[in-house]
Amino acid sequence: MAKEVKSKSGMKVRKSTGDRIVDVIIYVGLGLIALCTVLPFLYVVAGSFATEKELTEKAFFIIPTVWSLNAYKYAIQTANILRGLRNSICLTLLGTVTCMLFSMSFAYPLSKKHFRGRNWIMNLVIFTMLFSGGMIPTYLCVTAYGLRDSWWALILIGAISPFNMIIIKNFFQGLPVELDEASYMDGANDFQIFYKVALPLSKPVIASISLFYGVGFWNDYFNAMIYLEDSKKYPIQIQLRAIILQSSTIADTVTEYDINGTPPDKAVKMACTVIATVPILIVYPFVQKYFTQGVMVGAVKG
């Protein structure tokens, strides 16, 4: 038995019983994968509002029996969360814009076949994906250029990601060559073509790669821990790390927790996870429609 469904073009497509069974299996599989992804996050959110008794007695729950804000109050009072959030937002925006500027201006000329030496340059880029200088040489370079204890030390050491740059390059290569030819006939130069023709058509890849860079800067704490010395410049990840270490120390000396007293160590860790995750998670809905399109087009063409 077959069932008729309408395609996007309006034409009726007859689906067989086997196709419908396969669709059901796919939907069920994707649903289970979605549950495996969402449920742990819901547990972390619920645990950040729970008490020590409930976290100890229950292995898993989504809605806490007794709601408590002690973990969030403890996190806010222990470290300057608001300043850390401000620093992370500024660092993420500045770093993402800088990396996209470098990556796109580097990828565009490499996407043109008439650019001399592009294959040799691409081999050098691929070489950096396989071998790196290491942490100590990078630290010495950052110190020699006077970038230590500044946000530029976190931004410039990864201003161009070879993987992201190659995706952008492949996206530019997929643009019709006739656009360049028509622009040249109208008297435009290469910079004008890049700014007025290529960039407006590159919204999908700009959104997806910007998200990659932004998430990287938001989650980065190791480089900040190495290169930053002034606590006023610490991003949110360093602040949360200090909170977790301090709460662990308190947990070793305190055996019982009151509902209105010191929050449990586990709840503090969950609250820190929520604080670090939710801000960057808010960005996803705004770039979701460009995300898959930008990555897939840049990945398969070229």
C-alpha atoms as a PDB file:
ATOM      1  CA  MET A   1       0.000   0.000   0.000  1.00  0.00           C
ATOM      2  CA  ALA A   2       1.362   3.399  -0.982  1.00  0.00           C
ATOM      3  CA  LYS A   3       0.622   6.882   0.228  1.00  0.00           C
ATOM      4  CA  GLU A   4       0.734  10.084  -1.816  1.00  0.00           C
ATOM      5  CA  VAL A   5       2.613  13.085  -0.431  1.00  0.00           C
ATOM      6  CA  LYS A   6       3.297  16.455  -1.953  1.00  0.00           C
ATOM      7  CA  SER A   7       6.852  17.558  -2.665  1.00  0.00           C
ATOM      8  CA  LYS A   8       8.106  21.127  -2.316  1.00  0.00           C
ATOM      9  CA  SER A   9       7.445  21.702  -6.018  1.00  0.00           C
ATOM     10  CA  GLY A  10       3.782  20.681  -5.603  1.00  0.00           C
ATOM     11  CA  MET A  11       4.108  17.362  -7.420  1.00  0.00           C
ATOM     12  CA  LYS A  12       2.601  14.272  -5.843  1.00  0.00           C
ATOM     13  CA  VAL A  13       5.117  11.581  -4.894  1.00  0.00           C
ATOM     14  CA  ARG A  14       3.872   8.085  -4.082  1.00  0.00           C
ATOM     15  CA  LYS A  15       5.612   6.614  -1.024  1.00  0.00           C
ATOM     16  CA  SER A  16       5.603   2.866  -0.537  1.00  0.00           C
ATOM     17  CA  THR A  17       5.001   1.079   2.748  1.00  0.00           C
ATOM     18  CA  GLY A  18       8.721   0.316   3.008  1.00  0.00           C
ATOM     19  CA  ASP A  19       9.568   4.015   2.655  1.00  0.00           C
ATOM     20  CA  ARG A  20       7.107   4.915   5.394  1.00  0.00           C
ATOM     21  CA  ILE A  21       8.604   2.279   7.713  1.00  0.00           C
ATOM     22  CA  VAL A  22      12.089   3.639   7.059  1.00  0.00           C
ATOM     23  CA  ASP A  23      10.829   7.167   7.821  1.00  0.00           C
ATOM     24  CA  VAL A  24       9.391   5.995  11.136  1.00  0.00           C
ATOM     25  CA  ILE A  25      12.655   4.269  12.063  1.00  0.00           C
ATOM     26  CA  ILE A  26      14.631   7.417  11.200  1.00  0.00           C
ATOM     27  CA  TYR A  27      12.324   9.662  13.216  1.00  0.00           C
ATOM     28  CA  VAL A  28      12.425   7.340  16.225  1.00  0.00           C
ATOM     29  CA  GLY A  29      16.218   7.114  16.041  1.00  0.00           C
ATOM     30  CA  LEU A  30      16.608  10.879  15.798  1.00  0.00           C
ATOM     31  CA  GLY A  31      14.171  11.317  18.665  1.00  0.00           C
ATOM     32  CA  LEU A  32      16.186   8.988  20.894  1.00  0.00           C
ATOM     33  CA  ILE A  33      19.397  10.807  19.998  1.00  0.00           C
ATOM     34  CA  ALA A  34      17.718  14.129  20.821  1.00  0.00           C
ATOM     35  CA  LEU A  35      16.604  12.787  24.211  1.00  0.00           C
ATOM     36  CA  CYS A  36      20.137  11.560  24.970  1.00  0.00           C
ATOM     37  CA  THR A  37      21.366  15.069  24.222  1.00  0.00           C
ATOM     38  CA  VAL A  38      18.699  17.105  26.007  1.00  0.00           C
ATOM     39  CA  LEU A  39      18.079  15.046  29.146  1.00  0.00           C
ATOM     40  CA  PRO A  40      21.590  15.444  30.644  1.00  0.00           C
ATOM     41  CA  PHE A  41      21.363  19.213  30.181  1.00  0.00           C
ATOM     42  CA  LEU A  42      17.919  19.295  31.815  1.00  0.00           C
ATOM     43  CA  TYR A  43      19.332  17.308  34.731  1.00  0.00           C
ATOM     44  CA  VAL A  44      22.174  19.797  35.133  1.00  0.00           C
ATOM     45  CA  VAL A  45      19.713  22.728  35.117  1.00  0.00           C
ATOM     46  CA  ALA A  46      17.461  20.993  37.654  1.00  0.00           C
ATOM     47  CA  GLY A  47      20.408  19.994  39.823  1.00  0.00           C
ATOM     48  CA  SER A  48      21.619  23.591  40.001  1.00  0.00           C
ATOM     49  CA  PHE A  49      18.332  24.462  41.774  1.00  0.00           C
ATOM     50  CA  ALA A  50      18.225  21.356  43.982  1.00  0.00           C
ATOM     51  CA  THR A  51      19.337  20.725  47.569  1.00  0.00           C
ATOM     52  CA  GLU A  52      22.091  18.427  48.777  1.00  0.00           C
ATOM     53  CA  LYS A  53      19.577  15.886  50.086  1.00  0.00           C
ATOM     54  CA  GLU A  54      17.858  15.512  46.729  1.00  0.00           C
ATOM     55  CA  LEU A  55      21.129  15.334  44.793  1.00  0.00           C
ATOM     56  CA  THR A  56      22.303  12.586  47.136  1.00  0.00           C
ATOM     57  CA  GLU A  57      19.118  10.514  47.213  1.00  0.00           C
ATOM     58  CA  LYS A  58      18.076  10.747  43.542  1.00  0.00           C
ATOM     59  CA  ALA A  59      20.236   9.573  40.681  1.00  0.00           C
ATOM     60  CA  PHE A  60      18.256  11.512  38.089  1.00  0.00           C
ATOM     61  CA  PHE A  61      15.451  14.077  38.091  1.00  0.00           C
ATOM     62  CA  ILE A  62      14.252  16.890  35.868  1.00  0.00           C
ATOM     63  CA  ILE A  63      12.139  18.890  38.346  1.00  0.00           C
ATOM     64  CA  PRO A  64      13.580  19.351  41.854  1.00  0.00           C
ATOM     65  CA  THR A  65      11.272  18.785  44.824  1.00  0.00           C
ATOM     66  CA  VAL A  66      12.649  21.758  46.760  1.00  0.00           C
ATOM     67  CA  TRP A  67      13.843  24.753  44.752  1.00  0.00           C
ATOM     68  CA  SER A  68      16.905  26.594  46.003  1.00  0.00           C
ATOM     69  CA  LEU A  69      18.902  29.505  44.551  1.00  0.00           C
ATOM     70  CA  ASN A  70      21.803  29.017  46.959  1.00  0.00           C
ATOM     71  CA  ALA A  71      24.149  27.694  44.278  1.00  0.00           C
ATOM     72  CA  TYR A  72      23.648  30.772  42.089  1.00  0.00           C
ATOM     73  CA  LYS A  73      23.869  33.130  45.069  1.00  0.00           C
ATOM     74  CA  TYR A  74      27.093  31.446  46.131  1.00  0.00           C
ATOM     75  CA  ALA A  75      28.537  31.739  42.625  1.00  0.00           C
ATOM     76  CA  ILE A  76      27.645  35.424  42.322  1.00  0.00           C
ATOM     77  CA  GLN A  77      28.919  36.317  45.799  1.00  0.00           C
ATOM     78  CA  THR A  78      32.147  34.313  45.541  1.00  0.00           C
ATOM     79  CA  ALA A  79      33.453  35.836  42.297  1.00  0.00           C
ATOM     80  CA  ASN A  80      32.623  38.799  40.103  1.00  0.00           C
ATOM     81  CA  ILE A  81      30.374  36.939  37.684  1.00  0.00           C
ATOM     82  CA  LEU A  82      28.999  40.063  36.023  1.00  0.00           C
ATOM     83  CA  ARG A  83      32.481  41.353  35.234  1.00  0.00           C
ATOM     84  CA  GLY A  84      33.477  37.923  33.942  1.00  0.00           C
ATOM     85  CA  LEU A  85      30.406  37.825  31.690  1.00  0.00           C
ATOM     86  CA  ARG A  86      31.188  41.296  30.374  1.00  0.00           C
ATOM     87  CA  ASN A  87      34.797  40.322  29.679  1.00  0.00           C
ATOM     88  CA  SER A  88      33.757  37.106  27.917  1.00  0.00           C
ATOM     89  CA  ILE A  89      31.184  38.902  25.763  1.00  0.00           C
ATOM     90  CA  CYS A  90      33.690  41.588  24.746  1.00  0.00           C
ATOM     91  CA  LEU A  91      36.435  39.018  24.139  1.00  0.00           C
ATOM     92  CA  THR A  92      34.124  36.791  22.099  1.00  0.00           C
ATOM     93  CA  LEU A  93      32.862  39.661  19.931  1.00  0.00           C
ATOM     94  CA  LEU A  94      36.308  41.169  19.372  1.00  0.00           C
ATOM     95  CA  GLY A  95      37.932  37.793  18.736  1.00  0.00           C
ATOM     96  CA  THR A  96      35.218  36.591  16.368  1.00  0.00           C
ATOM     97  CA  VAL A  97      35.291  39.780  14.289  1.00  0.00           C
ATOM     98  CA  THR A  98      39.099  39.702  14.125  1.00  0.00           C
ATOM     99  CA  CYS A  99      39.258  36.031  13.171  1.00  0.00           C
ATOM    100  CA  MET A 100      36.569  36.399  10.512  1.00  0.00           C
ATOM    101  CA  LEU A 101      38.344  39.434   9.050  1.00  0.00           C
ATOM    102  CA  PHE A 102      41.644  37.564   8.791  1.00  0.00           C
ATOM    103  CA  SER A 103      40.121  34.272   7.650  1.00  0.00           C
ATOM    104  CA  MET A 104      37.886  35.705   4.927  1.00  0.00           C
ATOM    105  CA  SER A 105      40.518  38.091   3.549  1.00  0.00           C
ATOM    106  CA  PHE A 106      42.954  35.155   3.429  1.00  0.00           C
ATOM    107  CA  ALA A 107      40.468  32.666   1.949  1.00  0.00           C
ATOM    108  CA  TYR A 108      39.122  34.885  -0.845  1.00  0.00           C
ATOM    109  CA  PRO A 109      42.337  35.243  -2.911  1.00  0.00           C
ATOM    110  CA  LEU A 110      43.130  31.542  -2.416  1.00  0.00           C
ATOM    111  CA  SER A 111      39.773  30.686  -3.991  1.00  0.00           C
ATOM    112  CA  LYS A 112      40.764  32.341  -7.285  1.00  0.00           C
ATOM    113  CA  LYS A 113      42.464  30.090  -9.856  1.00  0.00           C
ATOM    114  CA  HIS A 114      44.382  32.996 -11.382  1.00  0.00           C
ATOM    115  CA  PHE A 115      46.099  33.762  -8.044  1.00  0.00           C
ATOM    116  CA  ARG A 116      49.749  32.788  -8.461  1.00  0.00           C
ATOM    117  CA  GLY A 117      51.259  30.530  -5.831  1.00  0.00           C
ATOM    118  CA  ARG A 118      47.925  29.630  -4.212  1.00  0.00           C
ATOM    119  CA  ASN A 119      48.708  25.897  -4.230  1.00  0.00           C
ATOM    120  CA  TRP A 120      52.024  26.513  -2.487  1.00  0.00           C
ATOM    121  CA  ILE A 121      50.335  28.689   0.134  1.00  0.00           C
ATOM    122  CA  MET A 122      47.599  26.084   0.644  1.00  0.00           C
ATOM    123  CA  ASN A 123      50.242  23.432   1.307  1.00  0.00           C
ATOM    124  CA  LEU A 124      51.712  25.661   4.004  1.00  0.00           C
ATOM    125  CA  VAL A 125      48.268  26.091   5.547  1.00  0.00           C
ATOM    126  CA  ILE A 126      47.680  22.334   5.567  1.00  0.00           C
ATOM    127  CA  PHE A 127      51.127  21.846   7.113  1.00  0.00           C
ATOM    128  CA  THR A 128      50.066  23.973  10.101  1.00  0.00           C
ATOM    129  CA  MET A 129      47.112  21.612  10.646  1.00  0.00           C
ATOM    130  CA  LEU A 130      49.529  18.702  11.115  1.00  0.00           C
ATOM    131  CA  PHE A 131      52.351  20.402  13.045  1.00  0.00           C
ATOM    132  CA  SER A 132      52.405  23.293  15.495  1.00  0.00           C
ATOM    133  CA  GLY A 133      55.108  25.142  17.359  1.00  0.00           C
ATOM    134  CA  GLY A 134      53.887  23.992  20.773  1.00  0.00           C
ATOM    135  CA  MET A 135      52.952  25.790  23.955  1.00  0.00           C
ATOM    136  CA  ILE A 136      56.399  26.974  25.053  1.00  0.00           C
ATOM    137  CA  PRO A 137      57.434  28.574  21.712  1.00  0.00           C
ATOM    138  CA  THR A 138      54.001  30.211  21.513  1.00  0.00           C
ATOM    139  CA  TYR A 139      54.393  31.595  25.033  1.00  0.00           C
ATOM    140  CA  LEU A 140      57.844  32.961  24.194  1.00  0.00           C
ATOM    141  CA  CYS A 141      56.485  34.649  21.046  1.00  0.00           C
ATOM    142  CA  VAL A 142      53.580  36.197  22.944  1.00  0.00           C
ATOM    143  CA  THR A 143      55.959  37.507  25.599  1.00  0.00           C
ATOM    144  CA  ALA A 144      58.459  38.818  23.026  1.00  0.00           C
ATOM    145  CA  TYR A 145      55.762  40.840  21.258  1.00  0.00           C
ATOM    146  CA  GLY A 146      54.501  42.298  24.540  1.00  0.00           C
ATOM    147  CA  LEU A 147      51.066  40.709  24.274  1.00  0.00           C
ATOM    148  CA  ARG A 148      51.051  38.968  27.640  1.00  0.00           C
ATOM    149  CA  ASP A 149      48.323  40.077  30.044  1.00  0.00           C
ATOM    150  CA  SER A 150      46.171  41.394  27.178  1.00  0.00           C
ATOM    151  CA  TRP A 151      43.236  39.981  25.252  1.00  0.00           C
ATOM    152  CA  TRP A 152      45.250  40.172  22.038  1.00  0.00           C
ATOM    153  CA  ALA A 153      47.329  37.285  23.336  1.00  0.00           C
ATOM    154  CA  LEU A 154      44.173  35.157  23.272  1.00  0.00           C
ATOM    155  CA  ILE A 155      42.996  36.450  19.886  1.00  0.00           C
ATOM    156  CA  LEU A 156      46.062  36.678  17.664  1.00  0.00           C
ATOM    157  CA  ILE A 157      47.508  33.242  18.459  1.00  0.00           C
ATOM    158  CA  GLY A 158      44.476  31.695  16.753  1.00  0.00           C
ATOM    159  CA  ALA A 159      43.423  34.482  14.427  1.00  0.00           C
ATOM    160  CA  ILE A 160      43.181  32.075  11.489  1.00  0.00           C
ATOM    161  CA  SER A 161      41.944  28.524  11.931  1.00  0.00           C
ATOM    162  CA  PRO A 162      43.158  26.488   8.915  1.00  0.00           C
ATOM    163  CA  PHE A 163      40.069  24.280   9.004  1.00  0.00           C
ATOM    164  CA  ASN A 164      37.649  27.221   9.086  1.00  0.00           C
ATOM    165  CA  MET A 165      39.636  29.088   6.450  1.00  0.00           C
ATOM    166  CA  ILE A 166      39.484  26.113   4.070  1.00  0.00           C
ATOM    167  CA  ILE A 167      35.704  25.914   4.483  1.00  0.00           C
ATOM    168  CA  ILE A 168      35.411  29.625   3.634  1.00  0.00           C
ATOM    169  CA  LYS A 169      37.744  29.175   0.658  1.00  0.00           C
ATOM    170  CA  ASN A 170      35.660  26.311  -0.710  1.00  0.00           C
ATOM    171  CA  PHE A 171      32.531  28.403  -0.290  1.00  0.00           C
ATOM    172  CA  PHE A 172      34.064  31.253  -2.298  1.00  0.00           C
ATOM    173  CA  GLN A 173      35.125  28.755  -4.972  1.00  0.00           C
ATOM    174  CA  GLY A 174      31.512  27.668  -5.311  1.00  0.00           C
ATOM    175  CA  LEU A 175      30.339  31.165  -6.258  1.00  0.00           C
ATOM    176  CA  PRO A 176      29.680  31.586 -10.015  1.00  0.00           C
ATOM    177  CA  VAL A 177      32.681  32.847 -11.956  1.00  0.00           C
ATOM    178  CA  GLU A 178      30.304  34.919 -14.097  1.00  0.00           C
ATOM    179  CA  LEU A 179      29.789  37.267 -11.152  1.00  0.00           C
ATOM    180  CA  ASP A 180      33.479  38.221 -11.214  1.00  0.00           C
ATOM    181  CA  GLU A 181      33.475  38.613 -14.993  1.00  0.00           C
ATOM    182  CA  ALA A 182      30.410  40.858 -14.928  1.00  0.00           C
ATOM    183  CA  SER A 183      31.930  42.948 -12.126  1.00  0.00           C
ATOM    184  CA  TYR A 184      35.192  43.385 -14.036  1.00  0.00           C
ATOM    185  CA  MET A 185      33.217  44.546 -17.057  1.00  0.00           C
ATOM    186  CA  ASP A 186      31.505  47.137 -14.868  1.00  0.00           C
ATOM    187  CA  GLY A 187      34.910  48.466 -13.801  1.00  0.00           C
ATOM    188  CA  ALA A 188      35.092  46.935 -10.302  1.00  0.00           C
ATOM    189  CA  ASN A 189      38.418  45.879  -8.818  1.00  0.00           C
ATOM    190  CA  ASP A 190      39.109  42.789  -6.699  1.00  0.00           C
ATOM    191  CA  PHE A 191      38.457  44.554  -3.393  1.00  0.00           C
ATOM    192  CA  GLN A 192      35.129  45.927  -4.603  1.00  0.00           C
ATOM    193  CA  ILE A 193      34.093  42.478  -5.846  1.00  0.00           C
ATOM    194  CA  PHE A 194      34.999  40.976  -2.478  1.00  0.00           C
ATOM    195  CA  TYR A 195      33.176  43.667  -0.496  1.00  0.00           C
ATOM    196  CA  LYS A 196      30.102  44.256  -2.673  1.00  0.00           C
ATOM    197  CA  VAL A 197      29.588  40.866  -4.369  1.00  0.00           C
ATOM    198  CA  ALA A 198      31.189  38.011  -2.419  1.00  0.00           C
ATOM    199  CA  LEU A 199      30.405  39.104   1.136  1.00  0.00           C
ATOM    200  CA  PRO A 200      26.647  39.700   0.628  1.00  0.00           C
ATOM    201  CA  LEU A 201      26.390  36.169  -0.815  1.00  0.00           C
ATOM    202  CA  SER A 202      28.376  34.642   2.052  1.00  0.00           C
ATOM    203  CA  LYS A 203      25.886  35.018   4.916  1.00  0.00           C
ATOM    204  CA  PRO A 204      25.568  31.239   5.496  1.00  0.00           C
ATOM    205  CA  VAL A 205      29.297  30.610   5.811  1.00  0.00           C
ATOM    206  CA  ILE A 206      29.831  33.836   7.783  1.00  0.00           C
ATOM    207  CA  ALA A 207      27.171  32.812  10.322  1.00  0.00           C
ATOM    208  CA  SER A 208      28.392  29.236  10.726  1.00  0.00           C
ATOM    209  CA  ILE A 209      32.114  29.997  10.956  1.00  0.00           C
ATOM    210  CA  SER A 210      31.473  32.967  13.255  1.00  0.00           C
ATOM    211  CA  LEU A 211      29.653  30.562  15.537  1.00  0.00           C
ATOM    212  CA  PHE A 212      32.664  28.223  15.516  1.00  0.00           C
ATOM    213  CA  TYR A 213      35.013  31.058  16.448  1.00  0.00           C
ATOM    214  CA  GLY A 214      32.608  32.514  19.004  1.00  0.00           C
ATOM    215  CA  VAL A 215      32.116  29.228  20.852  1.00  0.00           C
ATOM    216  CA  GLY A 216      35.875  28.710  20.874  1.00  0.00           C
ATOM    217  CA  PHE A 217      36.540  32.091  22.485  1.00  0.00           C
ATOM    218  CA  TRP A 218      33.684  31.694  24.948  1.00  0.00           C
ATOM    219  CA  ASN A 219      34.819  28.284  26.192  1.00  0.00           C
ATOM    220  CA  ASP A 220      38.548  29.023  26.222  1.00  0.00           C
ATOM    221  CA  TYR A 221      40.045  29.160  29.687  1.00  0.00           C
ATOM    222  CA  PHE A 222      43.468  27.540  29.271  1.00  0.00           C
ATOM    223  CA  ASN A 223      45.003  30.361  27.238  1.00  0.00           C
ATOM    224  CA  ALA A 224      43.456  32.939  29.553  1.00  0.00           C
ATOM    225  CA  MET A 225      44.914  31.109  32.550  1.00  0.00           C
ATOM    226  CA  ILE A 226      48.394  31.182  30.951  1.00  0.00           C
ATOM    227  CA  TYR A 227      48.568  34.665  29.437  1.00  0.00           C
ATOM    228  CA  LEU A 228      46.352  36.825  31.674  1.00  0.00           C
ATOM    229  CA  GLU A 229      47.641  38.095  35.018  1.00  0.00           C
ATOM    230  CA  ASP A 230      45.196  40.874  35.882  1.00  0.00           C
ATOM    231  CA  SER A 231      42.069  39.405  37.491  1.00  0.00           C
ATOM    232  CA  LYS A 232      40.000  42.285  36.094  1.00  0.00           C
ATOM    233  CA  LYS A 233      40.555  40.847  32.592  1.00  0.00           C
ATOM    234  CA  TYR A 234      39.536  37.292  33.452  1.00  0.00           C
ATOM    235  CA  PRO A 235      36.726  35.821  31.315  1.00  0.00           C
ATOM    236  CA  ILE A 236      33.793  33.977  32.828  1.00  0.00           C
ATOM    237  CA  GLN A 237      35.456  30.570  32.484  1.00  0.00           C
ATOM    238  CA  ILE A 238      38.320  31.532  34.798  1.00  0.00           C
ATOM    239  CA  GLN A 239      35.866  32.976  37.328  1.00  0.00           C
ATOM    240  CA  LEU A 240      33.800  29.792  37.289  1.00  0.00           C
ATOM    241  CA  ARG A 241      36.904  27.654  37.651  1.00  0.00           C
ATOM    242  CA  ALA A 242      37.823  29.570  40.801  1.00  0.00           C
ATOM    243  CA  ILE A 243      34.300  29.090  42.178  1.00  0.00           C
ATOM    244  CA  ILE A 244      34.398  25.329  41.593  1.00  0.00           C
ATOM    245  CA  LEU A 245      37.808  24.988  43.248  1.00  0.00           C
ATOM    246  CA  GLN A 246      36.660  27.001  46.261  1.00  0.00           C
ATOM    247  CA  SER A 247      33.386  25.084  46.601  1.00  0.00           C
ATOM    248  CA  SER A 248      35.307  21.792  46.469  1.00  0.00           C
ATOM    249  CA  THR A 249      37.516  22.975  49.316  1.00  0.00           C
ATOM    250  CA  ILE A 250      34.483  23.901  51.396  1.00  0.00           C
ATOM    251  CA  ALA A 251      32.832  20.552  50.620  1.00  0.00           C
ATOM    252  CA  ASP A 252      35.819  18.749  52.135  1.00  0.00           C
ATOM    253  CA  THR A 253      35.289  20.494  55.475  1.00  0.00           C
ATOM    254  CA  VAL A 254      31.481  20.648  55.622  1.00  0.00           C
ATOM    255  CA  THR A 255      29.538  17.430  56.078  1.00  0.00           C
ATOM    256  CA  GLU A 256      25.953  18.704  56.243  1.00  0.00           C
ATOM    257  CA  TYR A 257      24.199  21.403  54.254  1.00  0.00           C
ATOM    258  CA  ASP A 258      21.222  23.430  55.300  1.00  0.00           C
ATOM    259  CA  ILE A 259      18.645  24.493  52.720  1.00  0.00           C
ATOM    260  CA  ASN A 260      19.413  28.143  53.470  1.00  0.00           C
ATOM    261  CA  GLY A 261      23.090  27.598  54.146  1.00  0.00           C
ATOM    262  CA  THR A 262      26.128  26.672  52.078  1.00  0.00           C
ATOM    263  CA  PRO A 263      25.087  25.015  48.804  1.00  0.00           C
ATOM    264  CA  PRO A 264      26.347  21.531  47.902  1.00  0.00           C
ATOM    265  CA  ASP A 265      29.480  21.267  45.823  1.00  0.00           C
ATOM    266  CA  LYS A 266      27.643  19.376  43.085  1.00  0.00           C
ATOM    267  CA  ALA A 267      24.945  22.036  42.803  1.00  0.00           C
ATOM    268  CA  VAL A 268      27.587  24.770  42.511  1.00  0.00           C
ATOM    269  CA  LYS A 269      29.274  22.912  39.656  1.00  0.00           C
ATOM    270  CA  MET A 270      25.945  22.537  37.868  1.00  0.00           C
ATOM    271  CA  ALA A 271      25.106  26.207  38.384  1.00  0.00           C
ATOM    272  CA  CYS A 272      28.486  27.187  36.926  1.00  0.00           C
ATOM    273  CA  THR A 273      27.806  24.925  33.936  1.00  0.00           C
ATOM    274  CA  VAL A 274      24.462  26.627  33.331  1.00  0.00           C
ATOM    275  CA  ILE A 275      25.968  30.113  33.663  1.00  0.00           C
ATOM    276  CA  ALA A 276      28.692  29.249  31.164  1.00  0.00           C
ATOM    277  CA  THR A 277      26.378  27.493  28.687  1.00  0.00           C
ATOM    278  CA  VAL A 278      23.163  29.520  28.486  1.00  0.00           C
ATOM    279  CA  PRO A 279      24.599  32.806  27.082  1.00  0.00           C
ATOM    280  CA  ILE A 280      26.272  31.151  24.090  1.00  0.00           C
ATOM    281  CA  LEU A 281      23.273  28.824  23.675  1.00  0.00           C
ATOM    282  CA  ILE A 282      21.033  31.843  23.098  1.00  0.00           C
ATOM    283  CA  VAL A 283      22.982  32.655  19.934  1.00  0.00           C
ATOM    284  CA  TYR A 284      22.185  29.354  18.200  1.00  0.00           C
ATOM    285  CA  PRO A 285      18.563  30.100  17.158  1.00  0.00           C
ATOM    286  CA  PHE A 286      19.674  33.234  15.310  1.00  0.00           C
ATOM    287  CA  VAL A 287      22.211  31.410  13.125  1.00  0.00           C
ATOM    288  CA  GLN A 288      20.527  28.013  12.879  1.00  0.00           C
ATOM    289  CA  LYS A 289      19.046  28.613   9.415  1.00  0.00           C
ATOM    290  CA  TYR A 290      22.505  29.480   8.042  1.00  0.00           C
ATOM    291  CA  PHE A 291      24.496  26.900   9.978  1.00  0.00           C
ATOM    292  CA  THR A 292      23.931  23.689   8.002  1.00  0.00           C
ATOM    293  CA  GLN A 293      23.886  25.449   4.653  1.00  0.00           C
ATOM    294  CA  GLY A 294      27.157  27.269   5.255  1.00  0.00           C
ATOM    295  CA  VAL A 295      29.086  24.259   6.533  1.00  0.00           C
ATOM    296  CA  MET A 296      27.835  21.799   3.914  1.00  0.00           C
ATOM    297  CA  VAL A 297      28.372  24.104   0.934  1.00  0.00           C
ATOM    298  CA  GLY A 298      31.876  24.969   2.072  1.00  0.00           C
ATOM    299  CA  ALA A 299      32.697  21.343   2.811  1.00  0.00           C
ATOM    300  CA  VAL A 300      31.602  19.548  -0.344  1.00  0.00           C
ATOM    301  CA  LYS A 301      32.623  22.014  -3.059  1.00  0.00           C
ATOM    302  CA  GLY A 302      36.126  22.737  -4.062  1.00  0.00           C
END
